[in-house]
Protein backbone atom coordinates (compact mmCIF):
# COMPACT_ATOMS: atom_id res chain seq x y z
CA MET A 1 0.00 0.00 0.00
CA THR A 2 3.01 2.32 0.21
CA PRO A 3 2.75 3.42 -3.47
CA ALA A 4 -0.90 4.32 -2.87
CA LEU A 5 0.02 6.28 0.27
CA ALA A 6 2.73 8.06 -1.69
CA ALA A 7 0.24 8.88 -4.46
CA ALA A 8 -2.26 10.25 -1.93
CA ALA A 9 0.47 12.29 -0.23
CA LEU A 10 1.62 13.65 -3.60
CA GLY A 11 -1.94 14.53 -4.61
CA SER A 12 -2.58 16.26 -1.31
CA GLY A 13 0.71 18.12 -1.57
CA LEU A 14 -0.07 19.29 -5.10
CA VAL A 15 -3.50 20.49 -4.03
CA ALA A 16 -1.90 22.33 -1.09
CA GLY A 17 0.52 24.00 -3.49
CA CYS A 18 -2.24 25.07 -5.87
CA PHE A 19 -4.23 26.63 -3.08
CA ALA A 20 -1.15 28.22 -1.47
CA VAL A 21 -0.16 29.93 -4.73
CA PHE A 22 -3.64 31.37 -4.91
CA THR A 23 -3.55 32.66 -1.34
CA LEU A 24 0.01 34.00 -1.51
CA VAL A 25 0.19 35.34 -5.07
CA VAL A 26 -2.97 35.33 -7.16
CA MET A 27 -5.51 36.83 -4.77
CA PRO A 28 -3.20 39.64 -3.60
CA ALA A 29 -2.62 40.50 -7.26
CA LEU A 30 -6.32 40.41 -8.14
CA VAL A 31 -7.39 42.66 -5.28
CA THR A 32 -4.87 45.33 -6.30
CA LEU A 33 -6.49 45.63 -9.72
CA PRO A 34 -9.42 47.97 -10.30
CA ALA A 35 -12.49 46.14 -8.95
CA PRO A 36 -14.14 45.42 -12.33
CA VAL A 37 -10.89 43.98 -13.69
CA GLY A 38 -10.12 41.94 -10.57
CA LEU A 39 -13.65 40.55 -10.45
CA ALA A 40 -13.61 39.67 -14.16
CA ALA A 41 -10.25 37.93 -13.73
CA MET A 42 -11.55 35.94 -10.74
CA GLN A 43 -14.64 34.94 -12.69
CA SER A 44 -12.40 33.71 -15.50
CA VAL A 45 -10.17 31.78 -13.10
CA ASN A 46 -13.21 30.11 -11.51
CA ARG A 47 -14.48 28.99 -14.91
CA THR A 48 -11.03 27.73 -15.89
CA ALA A 49 -10.54 25.77 -12.64
CA VAL A 50 -13.44 23.44 -13.41
CA ARG A 51 -11.48 21.26 -15.81
CA PRO A 52 -10.83 17.51 -15.71
CA VAL A 53 -7.17 17.75 -14.68
CA PHE A 54 -7.77 19.89 -11.60
CA MET A 55 -11.04 18.18 -10.67
CA THR A 56 -9.33 14.77 -10.89
CA LEU A 57 -6.47 15.99 -8.71
CA LEU A 58 -8.81 17.53 -6.13
CA PHE A 59 -11.46 14.82 -5.95
CA GLY A 60 -9.31 11.86 -7.01
CA THR A 61 -7.06 12.55 -4.04
CA ALA A 62 -10.15 12.62 -1.81
CA LEU A 63 -11.31 9.27 -3.16
CA LEU A 64 -7.85 7.73 -2.72
CA CYS A 65 -7.68 9.05 0.85
CA LEU A 66 -11.10 7.58 1.59
CA VAL A 67 -10.17 4.15 0.20
CA LEU A 68 -6.86 4.12 2.07
CA ALA A 69 -8.57 5.10 5.31
CA ALA A 70 -11.12 2.30 4.90
CA LEU A 71 -8.36 -0.23 4.25
CA GLU A 72 -6.43 0.94 7.30
CA LEU A 73 -9.47 0.71 9.54
CA ALA A 74 -10.06 -2.83 8.30
CA GLY A 75 -6.40 -3.86 8.56
CA ASP A 76 -3.36 -2.33 10.23
CA ARG A 77 -5.36 0.45 11.87
CA ARG A 78 -2.63 3.05 11.53
CA LEU A 79 -4.49 6.12 12.71
CA LEU A 80 -2.40 8.53 10.63
CA VAL A 81 -4.14 7.48 7.41
CA PRO A 82 -7.75 7.92 8.60
CA ALA A 83 -6.72 11.19 10.27
CA ALA A 84 -5.17 12.40 7.01
CA ALA A 85 -8.27 11.37 5.08
CA ALA A 86 -10.60 13.11 7.53
CA LEU A 87 -8.49 16.24 7.37
CA TYR A 88 -8.48 16.23 3.57
CA LEU A 89 -12.19 15.47 3.29
CA ALA A 90 -13.28 18.09 5.84
CA GLY A 91 -10.63 20.74 5.32
CA VAL A 92 -10.29 20.54 1.55
CA VAL A 93 -13.42 19.02 0.05
CA GLY A 94 -15.79 20.23 2.77
CA VAL A 95 -14.49 23.80 2.72
CA THR A 96 -14.50 23.78 -1.09
CA VAL A 97 -18.14 22.67 -1.26
CA LEU A 98 -19.47 24.70 1.68
CA ALA A 99 -17.45 27.92 1.41
CA ASN A 100 -15.41 28.52 -1.74
CA VAL A 101 -17.84 27.20 -4.36
CA PRO A 102 -20.80 29.23 -3.01
CA LEU A 103 -18.57 32.33 -3.05
CA ASN A 104 -17.50 31.49 -6.61
CA ASP A 105 -21.15 31.12 -7.61
CA ALA A 106 -22.02 34.48 -6.04
CA LEU A 107 -19.14 36.14 -7.86
CA ALA A 108 -20.15 34.50 -11.15
CA ALA A 109 -23.60 36.10 -10.85
CA LEU A 110 -22.14 39.62 -10.67
CA ASP A 111 -21.75 41.96 -13.59
CA ALA A 112 -18.20 43.29 -13.29
CA GLY A 113 -19.36 46.61 -14.73
CA ASP A 114 -22.00 47.28 -12.05
CA ALA A 115 -21.05 49.87 -9.45
CA GLY A 116 -22.02 47.69 -6.47
CA ALA A 117 -20.09 44.70 -7.77
CA GLY A 118 -16.78 46.25 -6.74
CA ARG A 119 -17.72 46.35 -3.06
CA THR A 120 -19.11 42.82 -3.19
CA TRP A 121 -15.89 41.67 -4.86
CA ALA A 122 -13.71 43.32 -2.21
CA ASP A 123 -15.68 41.71 0.62
CA ALA A 124 -15.84 38.29 -1.03
CA ALA A 125 -12.14 38.26 -1.92
CA GLY A 126 -11.09 38.46 1.72
CA VAL A 127 -13.49 35.74 2.84
CA TRP A 128 -12.58 33.54 -0.14
CA THR A 129 -8.87 33.89 0.62
CA ARG A 130 -9.31 32.98 4.29
CA TRP A 131 -11.20 29.81 3.39
CA ASN A 132 -8.66 29.04 0.68
CA THR A 133 -5.89 29.29 3.27
CA VAL A 134 -7.75 26.74 5.40
CA ARG A 135 -7.91 24.42 2.38
CA SER A 136 -4.22 24.83 1.70
CA LEU A 137 -3.20 24.13 5.28
CA ALA A 138 -5.53 21.12 5.53
CA ALA A 139 -4.09 19.62 2.35
CA LEU A 140 -0.53 20.26 3.55
CA LEU A 141 -1.20 18.63 6.93
CA SER A 142 -2.90 15.71 5.22
CA ALA A 143 0.11 15.23 2.93
CA THR A 144 2.42 15.32 5.97
CA LEU A 145 0.40 12.66 7.80
CA LEU A 146 0.28 10.46 4.71
CA MET A 147 4.04 10.75 4.20
CA ASN A 148 4.61 9.79 7.82
CA ALA A 149 2.26 6.82 7.46
CA ALA A 150 4.13 5.68 4.34
CA GLY A 151 7.25 5.52 6.45
C-alpha cells in the first residue's frame, strides 16, 4: 500500500501547493487591480478551474484518501491514514463545497461593470482567501500525515 500512500500524499501536496499559490500570489494580485478587472479575472479563473485535470487531482485525491482510510481501519489500523483522510475530506473538500464554491457562484452572478459589484468583490475576496488558506493548510497537513504513514 506504500505506493498508494505516496500517491495520496503527492496529490494532497499538489492540491496544497495550488491553493497556497492562490492565497500567496494570485488573490493579492487580483485585489490590487481595479475592482471590475479583478472581479472579471476571478470569474475567468473560476471557470477555468473546473477542468478535468484539476477536478481529478482535487477529488481523485479525496477518493484515494477515503479508500486508504477504509483499508487501514479494516487492517493495520494506523491512525495517521484515517486522520489524514478526515483532514483532507473536511478541510479541503468540505471547505470547497461549503465555502469557496458558493462564493465562486455568487461572484459568477455579478456583472463586473455594475457599481455595487466592486464592493461585493472586495468583501468576497477576503473571505474567499481565508477559506482558501484553510484548504491549503488542511491539504498540507494531510500530505504530511500520509508521508509519515508511508514511512
